Amino acid sequence: MKTPSVLVRSLAALSLLAGLVAAPASAQNLFFNGTPNGLDALSSDFNTGVSQSMVYDDFVVGGSGWNVTDLYGLFVGTVQWQGAQWEIRSGMSTGNGGTLVQSGSGAVTQTDELTSPFSLEEYQAHISGLSFFLAPGTYWMGISVVGNGTGGDFVTTTSGASGVNSNINGSGFWNSSFFAVDFVPTTDVASDETDFSYGIGGTLADVSSVPEPSTMALLATGLVGMAGAGMKRRRRK
């Protein structure tokens, strides 16, 4: 039986390296701040009646970080949506939008929830097809639904019921050129405006089985050396 060639050994090593990188897990609900509590809702929309308004609420990324694929929020309102704008920021404070970490605009799925405690219809705004990584830390997310009606759409407040990793701490902010507010605490608007029904879907990052860069570089150097040695052997034959 012949011994494996250098090329075969190199390919085997490459297969081992690929196996060291963990396969992505199935998407899951990483964060949901909770169902509406029926107390209030705040304008977070962009339409004929409101030129710009976005509500932000904070969440905490733990572990090794999150691979984000979906954002969603529960809204009440009257406008049929054509899309949505969204942002994720860090370091927010009164009058300070902090650092814009991720943002986008595009299609949104508007699903009738049929469970609204308000007199308006309740909908879920679901933004899918995203792909970005959030390192561990505290962030604020905001969704502004876009429509062409003259009514309004409002993200609902929550007390954390049915939440997943909910962060009920009253640290929401509101930014709206239309309402002349510049990243003001939502508690300045009304005592009920504290936490909001936002959520995030994706997977937990797993870096425990991914080699350190130095290890990968060393392995790559070894593969190159093996291939070179094989070429020399073949020339001598």
C-alpha atoms as a PDB file:
ATOM      1  CA  MET A   1       0.000   0.000   0.000  1.00  0.00           C
ATOM      2  CA  LYS A   2       1.462   3.343  -1.050  1.00  0.00           C
ATOM      3  CA  THR A   3       1.814   6.126   1.455  1.00  0.00           C
ATOM      4  CA  PRO A   4      -0.373   9.174   0.796  1.00  0.00           C
ATOM      5  CA  SER A   5       1.244  11.802  -1.372  1.00  0.00           C
ATOM      6  CA  VAL A   6       2.117  15.245  -0.020  1.00  0.00           C
ATOM      7  CA  LEU A   7      -0.804  16.659  -2.016  1.00  0.00           C
ATOM      8  CA  VAL A   8      -3.262  14.276  -0.390  1.00  0.00           C
ATOM      9  CA  ARG A   9      -1.863  15.089   3.052  1.00  0.00           C
ATOM     10  CA  SER A  10      -2.177  18.792   2.258  1.00  0.00           C
ATOM     11  CA  LEU A  11      -5.796  18.385   1.217  1.00  0.00           C
ATOM     12  CA  ALA A  12      -6.498  16.408   4.377  1.00  0.00           C
ATOM     13  CA  ALA A  13      -4.999  19.204   6.446  1.00  0.00           C
ATOM     14  CA  LEU A  14      -7.149  21.744   4.629  1.00  0.00           C
ATOM     15  CA  SER A  15     -10.235  19.657   5.346  1.00  0.00           C
ATOM     16  CA  LEU A  16      -9.271  19.579   9.008  1.00  0.00           C
ATOM     17  CA  LEU A  17      -8.886  23.361   9.012  1.00  0.00           C
ATOM     18  CA  ALA A  18     -12.330  23.808   7.462  1.00  0.00           C
ATOM     19  CA  GLY A  19     -13.788  21.491  10.076  1.00  0.00           C
ATOM     20  CA  LEU A  20     -12.335  23.613  12.862  1.00  0.00           C
ATOM     21  CA  VAL A  21     -14.598  26.498  11.860  1.00  0.00           C
ATOM     22  CA  ALA A  22     -17.986  25.940  13.491  1.00  0.00           C
ATOM     23  CA  ALA A  23     -20.932  25.646  11.131  1.00  0.00           C
ATOM     24  CA  PRO A  24     -23.575  28.327  11.667  1.00  0.00           C
ATOM     25  CA  ALA A  25     -26.472  27.328  13.901  1.00  0.00           C
ATOM     26  CA  SER A  26     -30.123  27.758  12.994  1.00  0.00           C
ATOM     27  CA  ALA A  27     -31.527  31.257  13.434  1.00  0.00           C
ATOM     28  CA  GLN A  28     -33.165  31.959  16.774  1.00  0.00           C
ATOM     29  CA  ASN A  29     -34.773  34.756  18.723  1.00  0.00           C
ATOM     30  CA  LEU A  30     -31.793  36.477  20.333  1.00  0.00           C
ATOM     31  CA  PHE A  31     -33.702  39.397  21.837  1.00  0.00           C
ATOM     32  CA  PHE A  32     -37.325  40.411  22.271  1.00  0.00           C
ATOM     33  CA  ASN A  33     -38.144  43.177  24.708  1.00  0.00           C
ATOM     34  CA  GLY A  34     -41.712  41.956  25.281  1.00  0.00           C
ATOM     35  CA  THR A  35     -45.303  42.178  24.144  1.00  0.00           C
ATOM     36  CA  PRO A  36     -47.252  45.478  24.283  1.00  0.00           C
ATOM     37  CA  ASN A  37     -48.411  46.464  27.752  1.00  0.00           C
ATOM     38  CA  GLY A  38     -51.310  48.580  26.485  1.00  0.00           C
ATOM     39  CA  LEU A  39     -49.989  51.746  28.117  1.00  0.00           C
ATOM     40  CA  ASP A  40     -48.650  53.785  25.240  1.00  0.00           C
ATOM     41  CA  ALA A  41     -46.875  53.927  21.865  1.00  0.00           C
ATOM     42  CA  LEU A  42     -44.568  56.486  20.264  1.00  0.00           C
ATOM     43  CA  SER A  43     -44.221  57.737  16.689  1.00  0.00           C
ATOM     44  CA  SER A  44     -41.492  55.877  14.794  1.00  0.00           C
ATOM     45  CA  ASP A  45     -42.395  56.395  11.153  1.00  0.00           C
ATOM     46  CA  PHE A  46     -41.697  58.179   7.894  1.00  0.00           C
ATOM     47  CA  ASN A  47     -44.741  59.008   5.790  1.00  0.00           C
ATOM     48  CA  THR A  48     -46.836  61.803   4.303  1.00  0.00           C
ATOM     49  CA  GLY A  49     -47.884  63.003   7.742  1.00  0.00           C
ATOM     50  CA  VAL A  50     -44.556  62.576   9.587  1.00  0.00           C
ATOM     51  CA  SER A  51     -41.366  63.435   7.717  1.00  0.00           C
ATOM     52  CA  GLN A  52     -38.970  61.644  10.090  1.00  0.00           C
ATOM     53  CA  SER A  53     -39.223  59.943  13.460  1.00  0.00           C
ATOM     54  CA  MET A  54     -37.376  57.032  15.071  1.00  0.00           C
ATOM     55  CA  VAL A  55     -37.570  55.481  18.524  1.00  0.00           C
ATOM     56  CA  TYR A  56     -34.546  53.619  19.924  1.00  0.00           C
ATOM     57  CA  ASP A  57     -34.330  51.108  22.737  1.00  0.00           C
ATOM     58  CA  ASP A  58     -31.307  49.395  24.214  1.00  0.00           C
ATOM     59  CA  PHE A  59     -30.312  45.745  24.281  1.00  0.00           C
ATOM     60  CA  VAL A  60     -27.265  43.844  25.487  1.00  0.00           C
ATOM     61  CA  VAL A  61     -25.216  41.443  23.357  1.00  0.00           C
ATOM     62  CA  GLY A  62     -23.518  38.782  25.448  1.00  0.00           C
ATOM     63  CA  GLY A  63     -21.345  35.739  24.923  1.00  0.00           C
ATOM     64  CA  SER A  64     -19.052  35.883  21.913  1.00  0.00           C
ATOM     65  CA  GLY A  65     -21.408  38.175  19.989  1.00  0.00           C
ATOM     66  CA  TRP A  66     -24.403  37.838  17.669  1.00  0.00           C
ATOM     67  CA  ASN A  67     -24.749  37.160  13.963  1.00  0.00           C
ATOM     68  CA  VAL A  68     -27.839  39.228  13.121  1.00  0.00           C
ATOM     69  CA  THR A  69     -30.237  38.181  10.347  1.00  0.00           C
ATOM     70  CA  ASP A  70     -33.548  39.810  11.341  1.00  0.00           C
ATOM     71  CA  LEU A  71     -34.936  42.872  13.117  1.00  0.00           C
ATOM     72  CA  TYR A  72     -38.562  43.349  14.107  1.00  0.00           C
ATOM     73  CA  GLY A  73     -40.893  45.512  16.149  1.00  0.00           C
ATOM     74  CA  LEU A  74     -44.548  45.717  17.151  1.00  0.00           C
ATOM     75  CA  PHE A  75     -46.372  48.805  15.917  1.00  0.00           C
ATOM     76  CA  VAL A  76     -49.878  50.243  15.978  1.00  0.00           C
ATOM     77  CA  GLY A  77     -51.132  52.563  13.270  1.00  0.00           C
ATOM     78  CA  THR A  78     -53.126  53.206  10.124  1.00  0.00           C
ATOM     79  CA  VAL A  79     -50.579  53.420   7.290  1.00  0.00           C
ATOM     80  CA  GLN A  80     -49.773  50.625   4.854  1.00  0.00           C
ATOM     81  CA  TRP A  81     -45.999  50.362   4.736  1.00  0.00           C
ATOM     82  CA  GLN A  82     -43.778  50.463   1.688  1.00  0.00           C
ATOM     83  CA  GLY A  83     -40.561  49.728   3.540  1.00  0.00           C
ATOM     84  CA  ALA A  84     -38.583  50.539   6.657  1.00  0.00           C
ATOM     85  CA  GLN A  85     -35.481  52.345   7.823  1.00  0.00           C
ATOM     86  CA  TRP A  86     -33.443  50.911  10.691  1.00  0.00           C
ATOM     87  CA  GLU A  87     -30.392  51.759  12.738  1.00  0.00           C
ATOM     88  CA  ILE A  88     -28.234  50.239  15.454  1.00  0.00           C
ATOM     89  CA  ARG A  89     -26.135  52.645  17.529  1.00  0.00           C
ATOM     90  CA  SER A  90     -23.804  52.530  20.500  1.00  0.00           C
ATOM     91  CA  GLY A  91     -22.963  55.117  23.151  1.00  0.00           C
ATOM     92  CA  MET A  92     -26.257  57.023  23.001  1.00  0.00           C
ATOM     93  CA  SER A  93     -27.064  59.674  25.586  1.00  0.00           C
ATOM     94  CA  THR A  94     -29.284  62.738  25.884  1.00  0.00           C
ATOM     95  CA  GLY A  95     -28.750  64.923  22.812  1.00  0.00           C
ATOM     96  CA  ASN A  96     -26.128  62.507  21.492  1.00  0.00           C
ATOM     97  CA  GLY A  97     -26.807  59.843  18.879  1.00  0.00           C
ATOM     98  CA  GLY A  98     -23.555  58.090  19.718  1.00  0.00           C
ATOM     99  CA  THR A  99     -21.956  55.959  17.004  1.00  0.00           C
ATOM    100  CA  LEU A 100     -23.916  54.532  14.097  1.00  0.00           C
ATOM    101  CA  VAL A 101     -22.914  50.851  14.030  1.00  0.00           C
ATOM    102  CA  GLN A 102     -25.270  49.451  11.372  1.00  0.00           C
ATOM    103  CA  SER A 103     -28.141  50.905   9.333  1.00  0.00           C
ATOM    104  CA  GLY A 104     -30.219  50.231   6.280  1.00  0.00           C
ATOM    105  CA  SER A 105     -33.492  50.666   4.455  1.00  0.00           C
ATOM    106  CA  GLY A 106     -35.586  48.421   2.287  1.00  0.00           C
ATOM    107  CA  ALA A 107     -38.380  45.906   2.309  1.00  0.00           C
ATOM    108  CA  VAL A 108     -40.414  45.152   5.413  1.00  0.00           C
ATOM    109  CA  THR A 109     -43.046  42.496   6.062  1.00  0.00           C
ATOM    110  CA  GLN A 110     -46.184  43.937   7.675  1.00  0.00           C
ATOM    111  CA  THR A 111     -48.076  41.249   9.577  1.00  0.00           C
ATOM    112  CA  ASP A 112     -51.390  41.888  11.314  1.00  0.00           C
ATOM    113  CA  GLU A 113     -51.054  40.726  14.925  1.00  0.00           C
ATOM    114  CA  LEU A 114     -54.811  41.010  15.740  1.00  0.00           C
ATOM    115  CA  THR A 115     -54.026  41.322  19.466  1.00  0.00           C
ATOM    116  CA  SER A 116     -53.746  45.075  19.913  1.00  0.00           C
ATOM    117  CA  PRO A 117     -54.712  46.505  23.316  1.00  0.00           C
ATOM    118  CA  PHE A 118     -55.070  49.857  21.536  1.00  0.00           C
ATOM    119  CA  SER A 119     -57.862  51.211  19.360  1.00  0.00           C
ATOM    120  CA  LEU A 120     -55.499  51.054  16.357  1.00  0.00           C
ATOM    121  CA  GLU A 121     -54.480  47.974  14.392  1.00  0.00           C
ATOM    122  CA  GLU A 122     -51.345  46.241  15.626  1.00  0.00           C
ATOM    123  CA  TYR A 123     -48.725  45.008  13.166  1.00  0.00           C
ATOM    124  CA  GLN A 124     -45.339  43.368  13.281  1.00  0.00           C
ATOM    125  CA  ALA A 125     -42.637  45.011  11.173  1.00  0.00           C
ATOM    126  CA  HIS A 126     -40.148  42.327  10.145  1.00  0.00           C
ATOM    127  CA  ILE A 127     -36.886  43.135   8.351  1.00  0.00           C
ATOM    128  CA  SER A 128     -35.115  40.003   7.109  1.00  0.00           C
ATOM    129  CA  GLY A 129     -32.161  39.070   4.929  1.00  0.00           C
ATOM    130  CA  LEU A 130     -29.616  40.914   7.074  1.00  0.00           C
ATOM    131  CA  SER A 131     -26.095  39.685   7.739  1.00  0.00           C
ATOM    132  CA  PHE A 132     -23.827  41.457  10.198  1.00  0.00           C
ATOM    133  CA  PHE A 133     -21.994  40.772  13.444  1.00  0.00           C
ATOM    134  CA  LEU A 134     -22.412  42.577  16.768  1.00  0.00           C
ATOM    135  CA  ALA A 135     -19.624  42.216  19.298  1.00  0.00           C
ATOM    136  CA  PRO A 136     -20.564  41.924  23.000  1.00  0.00           C
ATOM    137  CA  GLY A 137     -21.779  45.221  24.418  1.00  0.00           C
ATOM    138  CA  THR A 138     -24.765  47.558  24.789  1.00  0.00           C
ATOM    139  CA  TYR A 139     -26.537  48.925  21.721  1.00  0.00           C
ATOM    140  CA  TRP A 140     -29.703  50.823  20.782  1.00  0.00           C
ATOM    141  CA  MET A 141     -31.905  49.762  17.869  1.00  0.00           C
ATOM    142  CA  GLY A 142     -34.570  51.736  16.068  1.00  0.00           C
ATOM    143  CA  ILE A 143     -37.046  50.952  13.305  1.00  0.00           C
ATOM    144  CA  SER A 144     -38.957  53.602  11.352  1.00  0.00           C
ATOM    145  CA  VAL A 145     -41.680  52.198   9.080  1.00  0.00           C
ATOM    146  CA  VAL A 146     -42.151  53.985   5.764  1.00  0.00           C
ATOM    147  CA  GLY A 147     -45.548  54.572   4.134  1.00  0.00           C
ATOM    148  CA  ASN A 148     -47.428  56.980   1.934  1.00  0.00           C
ATOM    149  CA  GLY A 149     -50.472  57.620   4.115  1.00  0.00           C
ATOM    150  CA  THR A 150     -51.363  60.669   6.179  1.00  0.00           C
ATOM    151  CA  GLY A 151     -51.889  58.791   9.431  1.00  0.00           C
ATOM    152  CA  GLY A 152     -49.209  57.569  11.783  1.00  0.00           C
ATOM    153  CA  ASP A 153     -47.443  54.466  13.033  1.00  0.00           C
ATOM    154  CA  PHE A 154     -46.236  54.024  16.601  1.00  0.00           C
ATOM    155  CA  VAL A 155     -43.933  51.458  18.205  1.00  0.00           C
ATOM    156  CA  THR A 156     -45.581  50.003  21.295  1.00  0.00           C
ATOM    157  CA  THR A 157     -44.316  50.145  24.867  1.00  0.00           C
ATOM    158  CA  THR A 158     -43.692  46.971  26.830  1.00  0.00           C
ATOM    159  CA  SER A 159     -43.096  45.818  30.382  1.00  0.00           C
ATOM    160  CA  GLY A 160     -41.165  42.740  29.288  1.00  0.00           C
ATOM    161  CA  ALA A 161     -43.949  40.135  29.154  1.00  0.00           C
ATOM    162  CA  SER A 162     -42.946  37.108  27.036  1.00  0.00           C
ATOM    163  CA  GLY A 163     -39.576  38.717  26.446  1.00  0.00           C
ATOM    164  CA  VAL A 164     -36.321  37.024  25.482  1.00  0.00           C
ATOM    165  CA  ASN A 165     -33.221  38.630  27.017  1.00  0.00           C
ATOM    166  CA  SER A 166     -35.452  41.663  27.554  1.00  0.00           C
ATOM    167  CA  ASN A 167     -33.835  44.827  28.862  1.00  0.00           C
ATOM    168  CA  ILE A 168     -36.467  46.727  30.846  1.00  0.00           C
ATOM    169  CA  ASN A 169     -34.564  49.703  32.177  1.00  0.00           C
ATOM    170  CA  GLY A 170     -36.251  52.824  30.772  1.00  0.00           C
ATOM    171  CA  SER A 171     -33.329  53.761  28.519  1.00  0.00           C
ATOM    172  CA  GLY A 172     -35.155  54.585  25.285  1.00  0.00           C
ATOM    173  CA  PHE A 173     -34.461  57.621  23.078  1.00  0.00           C
ATOM    174  CA  TRP A 174     -36.493  59.494  20.480  1.00  0.00           C
ATOM    175  CA  ASN A 175     -35.131  61.420  17.511  1.00  0.00           C
ATOM    176  CA  SER A 176     -37.439  63.323  15.161  1.00  0.00           C
ATOM    177  CA  SER A 177     -36.877  66.402  13.031  1.00  0.00           C
ATOM    178  CA  PHE A 178     -40.644  66.577  12.529  1.00  0.00           C
ATOM    179  CA  PHE A 179     -41.375  66.735  16.257  1.00  0.00           C
ATOM    180  CA  ALA A 180     -38.226  68.811  16.944  1.00  0.00           C
ATOM    181  CA  VAL A 181     -36.652  66.322  19.360  1.00  0.00           C
ATOM    182  CA  ASP A 182     -32.950  65.473  19.241  1.00  0.00           C
ATOM    183  CA  PHE A 183     -32.226  62.137  20.917  1.00  0.00           C
ATOM    184  CA  VAL A 184     -34.305  62.915  23.993  1.00  0.00           C
ATOM    185  CA  PRO A 185     -35.026  60.236  26.618  1.00  0.00           C
ATOM    186  CA  THR A 186     -38.447  58.813  25.912  1.00  0.00           C
ATOM    187  CA  THR A 187     -39.275  59.211  29.608  1.00  0.00           C
ATOM    188  CA  ASP A 188     -39.157  62.980  28.976  1.00  0.00           C
ATOM    189  CA  VAL A 189     -42.123  62.545  26.636  1.00  0.00           C
ATOM    190  CA  ALA A 190     -44.347  60.635  29.056  1.00  0.00           C
ATOM    191  CA  SER A 191     -43.872  58.432  32.094  1.00  0.00           C
ATOM    192  CA  ASP A 192     -45.196  55.459  30.100  1.00  0.00           C
ATOM    193  CA  GLU A 193     -42.604  55.853  27.341  1.00  0.00           C
ATOM    194  CA  THR A 194     -39.898  53.632  28.792  1.00  0.00           C
ATOM    195  CA  ASP A 195     -39.212  50.380  26.917  1.00  0.00           C
ATOM    196  CA  PHE A 196     -40.373  49.254  23.489  1.00  0.00           C
ATOM    197  CA  SER A 197     -41.384  46.054  21.678  1.00  0.00           C
ATOM    198  CA  TYR A 198     -38.329  45.474  19.505  1.00  0.00           C
ATOM    199  CA  GLY A 199     -36.636  42.175  18.695  1.00  0.00           C
ATOM    200  CA  ILE A 200     -33.613  40.639  16.972  1.00  0.00           C
ATOM    201  CA  GLY A 201     -33.151  37.275  15.276  1.00  0.00           C
ATOM    202  CA  GLY A 202     -29.963  35.481  14.311  1.00  0.00           C
ATOM    203  CA  THR A 203     -27.397  33.114  15.767  1.00  0.00           C
ATOM    204  CA  LEU A 204     -24.963  33.167  18.647  1.00  0.00           C
ATOM    205  CA  ALA A 205     -21.366  33.517  17.528  1.00  0.00           C
ATOM    206  CA  ASP A 206     -19.222  30.539  18.485  1.00  0.00           C
ATOM    207  CA  VAL A 207     -15.527  31.319  18.273  1.00  0.00           C
ATOM    208  CA  SER A 208     -14.427  28.615  20.705  1.00  0.00           C
ATOM    209  CA  SER A 209     -13.548  26.233  17.883  1.00  0.00           C
ATOM    210  CA  VAL A 210     -12.080  28.766  15.458  1.00  0.00           C
ATOM    211  CA  PRO A 211      -8.250  28.778  15.476  1.00  0.00           C
ATOM    212  CA  GLU A 212      -6.386  31.909  16.496  1.00  0.00           C
ATOM    213  CA  PRO A 213      -4.895  33.881  13.533  1.00  0.00           C
ATOM    214  CA  SER A 214      -1.387  32.821  14.563  1.00  0.00           C
ATOM    215  CA  THR A 215      -2.423  29.165  14.531  1.00  0.00           C
ATOM    216  CA  MET A 216      -3.990  29.482  11.092  1.00  0.00           C
ATOM    217  CA  ALA A 217      -0.887  31.259   9.763  1.00  0.00           C
ATOM    218  CA  LEU A 218       1.355  28.514  11.156  1.00  0.00           C
ATOM    219  CA  LEU A 219      -0.812  25.816   9.602  1.00  0.00           C
ATOM    220  CA  ALA A 220      -0.793  27.623   6.232  1.00  0.00           C
ATOM    221  CA  THR A 221       3.016  27.893   6.383  1.00  0.00           C
ATOM    222  CA  GLY A 222       3.236  24.183   7.110  1.00  0.00           C
ATOM    223  CA  LEU A 223       1.028  23.344   4.130  1.00  0.00           C
ATOM    224  CA  VAL A 224       3.180  25.438   1.818  1.00  0.00           C
ATOM    225  CA  GLY A 225       6.287  23.706   3.170  1.00  0.00           C
ATOM    226  CA  MET A 226       4.770  20.267   2.660  1.00  0.00           C
ATOM    227  CA  ALA A 227       3.842  21.124  -0.917  1.00  0.00           C
ATOM    228  CA  GLY A 228       7.368  22.434  -1.613  1.00  0.00           C
ATOM    229  CA  ALA A 229       8.941  19.309  -0.160  1.00  0.00           C
ATOM    230  CA  GLY A 230       6.748  17.158  -2.355  1.00  0.00           C
ATOM    231  CA  MET A 231       7.777  19.035  -5.485  1.00  0.00           C
ATOM    232  CA  LYS A 232      11.479  18.555  -4.620  1.00  0.00           C
ATOM    233  CA  ARG A 233      10.975  14.813  -4.117  1.00  0.00           C
ATOM    234  CA  ARG A 234       9.239  14.511  -7.476  1.00  0.00           C
ATOM    235  CA  ARG A 235      12.103  16.362  -9.250  1.00  0.00           C
ATOM    236  CA  ARG A 236      14.702  13.970  -7.778  1.00  0.00           C
ATOM    237  CA  LYS A 237      12.872  10.882  -9.074  1.00  0.00           C
END
